[in-house]
Amino acid sequence: MKQRERRIGRLLVHTGEGKGKSSSAFGVAFRAAGWGMQVCVIQFIKGRWRTGEEVAAERFDNIEWHALGDGFTWDTANPEQDRATSRQIWAFCQQQICSQRFDLVILDEINYCCGYGWISGAEIADFLRRERPPWMHLILTGRDAPPEVIELADTVSEMVALKHAFDQGIVAEQGIEF
C-alpha cells in the first residue's frame, strides 16, 4: 500500500438520477480494503435495512460500516426527525474524518441531505477544505450533489437512468439492489 505521505487523496462524487452511485462507491471500498487500507462507510439514508455489501464488509477487518439513517426519506412521516438524524450523522462523519484513522471514507447518500436542505453544500465543502487530510480519499454519493461539493471534487460521475426495472413494476431484488 502506498504510504499516506506519498498519496494524493481524491474526492469523488457519484450523483445523478441513475442507479449505481452507492454500488460504485462500495466497489471502491472493497478495492481499497483489498490493498490493506482502512475504510469507513457511513450511510445517511438506508438505516437498519441490511444489504449484501454490509454483510460482505463484515468479512474484512479493515472496513467499518455504519448504517445510521432513519430509512428512506421519501417515506418519512417526520421530516424534522430526519433533519436531526442527518445532522447527528454529519457530526459523526466529521469526527471520523478528523480522527485520521481511515484511508477512505464513504459518505453514502449525503447528497440527498443537501437536496433536502438538511446539510448545506457550502458547509460540507468548507469542512473538507479545512479538515480533510491531504492523503485521505473520500466518496460522496446521492442525487442532487451540491455545486460547492462538485466544484471541490477531483472526479464527479453522473449516473443517468436510461431504463430501470422499477419503472416496469419490478421490485428491488436481493443481490442486485441490496
Protein backbone atom coordinates (compact mmCIF):
# COMPACT_ATOMS: atom_id res chain seq x y z
CA MET A 1 0.00 0.00 0.00
CA LYS A 2 1.25 3.48 -0.85
CA GLN A 3 2.28 5.34 2.28
CA ARG A 4 -0.03 8.14 3.32
CA GLU A 5 2.64 10.82 2.97
CA ARG A 6 3.13 9.78 -0.69
CA ARG A 7 -0.58 9.52 -1.52
CA ILE A 8 -2.70 12.19 -3.17
CA GLY A 9 -6.15 11.88 -1.62
CA ARG A 10 -9.06 12.02 -4.04
CA LEU A 11 -12.54 13.41 -3.58
CA LEU A 12 -15.10 11.61 -5.73
CA VAL A 13 -18.76 12.48 -6.14
CA HIS A 14 -21.30 9.98 -7.51
CA THR A 15 -24.56 11.72 -8.32
CA GLY A 16 -27.45 11.72 -10.79
CA GLU A 17 -30.84 10.10 -11.27
CA GLY A 18 -29.47 6.74 -12.41
CA LYS A 19 -28.72 3.59 -10.45
CA GLY A 20 -25.25 2.65 -9.25
CA LYS A 21 -23.96 5.55 -7.16
CA SER A 22 -23.61 3.63 -3.91
CA SER A 23 -22.71 0.38 -5.66
CA SER A 24 -19.81 2.10 -7.39
CA ALA A 25 -18.59 3.58 -4.11
CA PHE A 26 -18.77 0.19 -2.41
CA GLY A 27 -16.73 -1.34 -5.21
CA VAL A 28 -14.01 1.21 -4.44
CA ALA A 29 -14.33 0.36 -0.72
CA PHE A 30 -13.59 -3.31 -1.40
CA ARG A 31 -10.75 -2.37 -3.76
CA ALA A 32 -9.15 -0.16 -1.08
CA ALA A 33 -9.70 -2.81 1.61
CA GLY A 34 -8.05 -5.36 -0.65
CA TRP A 35 -4.92 -3.17 -0.63
CA GLY A 36 -4.98 -3.05 3.17
CA MET A 37 -6.42 0.44 3.50
CA GLN A 38 -8.65 1.34 6.44
CA VAL A 39 -12.16 2.05 5.14
CA CYS A 40 -15.16 3.69 6.80
CA VAL A 41 -18.64 3.61 5.21
CA ILE A 42 -21.25 5.90 6.73
CA GLN A 43 -24.80 5.63 5.39
CA PHE A 44 -27.16 8.58 5.83
CA ILE A 45 -30.45 7.22 4.46
CA LYS A 46 -30.64 3.45 4.34
CA GLY A 47 -30.97 2.96 8.08
CA ARG A 48 -31.29 -0.52 9.50
CA TRP A 49 -32.03 -2.20 6.17
CA ARG A 50 -29.38 -4.93 5.81
CA THR A 51 -27.58 -5.08 2.47
CA GLY A 52 -25.27 -7.58 0.80
CA GLU A 53 -22.48 -5.00 0.84
CA GLU A 54 -22.71 -4.69 4.60
CA VAL A 55 -22.69 -8.48 5.00
CA ALA A 56 -19.63 -8.73 2.73
CA ALA A 57 -17.85 -5.92 4.60
CA GLU A 58 -18.11 -7.93 7.83
CA ARG A 59 -15.60 -10.38 6.30
CA PHE A 60 -12.95 -7.65 6.29
CA ASP A 61 -11.24 -6.46 9.45
CA ASN A 62 -10.35 -3.14 7.81
CA ILE A 63 -13.86 -1.95 6.88
CA GLU A 64 -16.09 -0.20 9.41
CA TRP A 65 -19.75 0.04 8.36
CA HIS A 66 -22.20 2.47 9.94
CA ALA A 67 -25.83 2.40 8.71
CA LEU A 68 -27.16 5.33 10.73
CA GLY A 69 -30.15 6.76 8.87
CA ASP A 70 -33.83 6.53 9.74
CA GLY A 71 -34.75 4.91 6.44
CA PHE A 72 -35.85 6.16 3.07
CA THR A 73 -36.72 9.85 3.39
CA TRP A 74 -39.38 9.86 0.69
CA ASP A 75 -41.43 7.60 3.02
CA THR A 76 -40.92 9.84 6.04
CA ALA A 77 -43.61 10.81 8.47
CA ASN A 78 -41.28 13.10 10.42
CA PRO A 79 -39.01 15.36 8.34
CA GLU A 80 -37.74 17.19 11.44
CA GLN A 81 -36.52 13.89 12.85
CA ASP A 82 -34.79 13.15 9.52
CA ARG A 83 -33.10 16.56 9.66
CA ALA A 84 -31.92 15.97 13.24
CA THR A 85 -30.67 12.47 12.39
CA SER A 86 -28.80 13.80 9.35
CA ARG A 87 -27.13 16.49 11.45
CA GLN A 88 -26.06 13.85 14.00
CA ILE A 89 -24.66 11.64 11.25
CA TRP A 90 -22.80 14.61 9.73
CA ALA A 91 -21.20 15.31 13.14
CA PHE A 92 -20.15 11.63 13.29
CA CYS A 93 -18.67 11.92 9.78
CA GLN A 94 -16.63 14.92 10.83
CA GLN A 95 -15.29 13.00 13.84
CA GLN A 96 -14.29 10.04 11.69
CA ILE A 97 -12.54 12.23 9.11
CA CYS A 98 -10.70 14.21 11.80
CA SER A 99 -9.63 11.01 13.58
CA GLN A 100 -7.35 10.25 10.61
CA ARG A 101 -7.91 6.52 11.23
CA PHE A 102 -9.19 5.88 7.72
CA ASP A 103 -7.63 5.97 4.27
CA LEU A 104 -11.04 6.02 2.55
CA VAL A 105 -14.30 7.42 3.91
CA ILE A 106 -17.58 6.97 2.05
CA LEU A 107 -20.46 9.31 2.89
CA ASP A 108 -23.25 7.32 1.30
CA GLU A 109 -26.35 9.34 0.33
CA ILE A 110 -25.10 12.57 1.90
CA ASN A 111 -26.03 14.44 -1.28
CA TYR A 112 -29.72 13.69 -0.62
CA CYS A 113 -29.38 15.55 2.68
CA CYS A 114 -28.14 18.58 0.76
CA GLY A 115 -31.01 18.30 -1.71
CA TYR A 116 -33.48 18.33 1.20
CA GLY A 117 -31.70 21.33 2.79
CA TRP A 118 -30.63 19.45 5.93
CA ILE A 119 -26.89 20.00 5.37
CA SER A 120 -25.55 22.70 3.07
CA GLY A 121 -23.08 22.02 0.31
CA ALA A 122 -21.08 25.04 1.48
CA GLU A 123 -20.80 23.56 4.98
CA ILE A 124 -19.53 20.25 3.61
CA ALA A 125 -17.07 21.88 1.21
CA ASP A 126 -15.74 24.26 3.88
CA PHE A 127 -15.20 21.41 6.33
CA LEU A 128 -13.42 19.25 3.75
CA ARG A 129 -11.16 22.12 2.67
CA ARG A 130 -10.14 22.75 6.29
CA GLU A 131 -10.08 19.31 7.86
CA ARG A 132 -9.61 16.53 5.31
CA PRO A 133 -6.07 15.19 5.43
CA PRO A 134 -4.41 15.55 2.00
CA TRP A 135 -3.86 11.77 1.74
CA MET A 136 -7.47 10.76 2.59
CA HIS A 137 -9.81 9.52 -0.14
CA LEU A 138 -13.50 10.45 0.15
CA ILE A 139 -16.55 9.47 -1.84
CA LEU A 140 -19.88 11.30 -1.52
CA THR A 141 -22.93 9.67 -3.09
CA GLY A 142 -26.55 10.52 -3.78
CA ARG A 143 -28.70 12.58 -6.10
CA ASP A 144 -28.54 16.35 -6.11
CA ALA A 145 -24.86 16.84 -5.31
CA PRO A 146 -24.44 20.49 -4.33
CA PRO A 147 -22.41 22.76 -6.63
CA GLU A 148 -19.90 23.59 -3.87
CA VAL A 149 -19.03 19.92 -3.47
CA ILE A 150 -18.92 19.33 -7.23
CA GLU A 151 -16.51 22.24 -7.58
CA LEU A 152 -14.23 20.88 -4.84
CA ALA A 153 -14.25 17.29 -6.14
CA ASP A 154 -11.48 15.75 -8.23
CA THR A 155 -13.86 13.41 -10.04
CA VAL A 156 -17.62 13.73 -10.48
CA SER A 157 -19.66 10.97 -12.11
CA GLU A 158 -23.29 11.46 -13.00
CA MET A 159 -25.36 8.31 -13.30
CA VAL A 160 -28.06 8.66 -15.94
CA ALA A 161 -31.15 6.45 -15.95
CA LEU A 162 -31.80 5.13 -19.43
CA LYS A 163 -34.08 2.35 -18.24
CA HIS A 164 -34.89 0.93 -14.78
CA ALA A 165 -36.69 -2.28 -13.84
CA PHE A 166 -38.66 -0.43 -11.13
CA ASP A 167 -40.41 1.58 -13.87
CA GLN A 168 -41.69 -1.75 -15.22
CA GLY A 169 -43.09 -2.77 -11.84
CA ILE A 170 -40.14 -4.98 -10.87
CA VAL A 171 -39.32 -4.60 -7.18
CA ALA A 172 -35.84 -4.49 -5.63
CA GLU A 173 -34.08 -7.84 -5.99
CA GLN A 174 -31.67 -9.30 -3.43
CA GLY A 175 -28.14 -9.38 -4.83
CA ILE A 176 -28.89 -6.62 -7.33
CA GLU A 177 -30.38 -3.69 -5.41
CA PHE A 178 -29.43 -4.74 -1.87
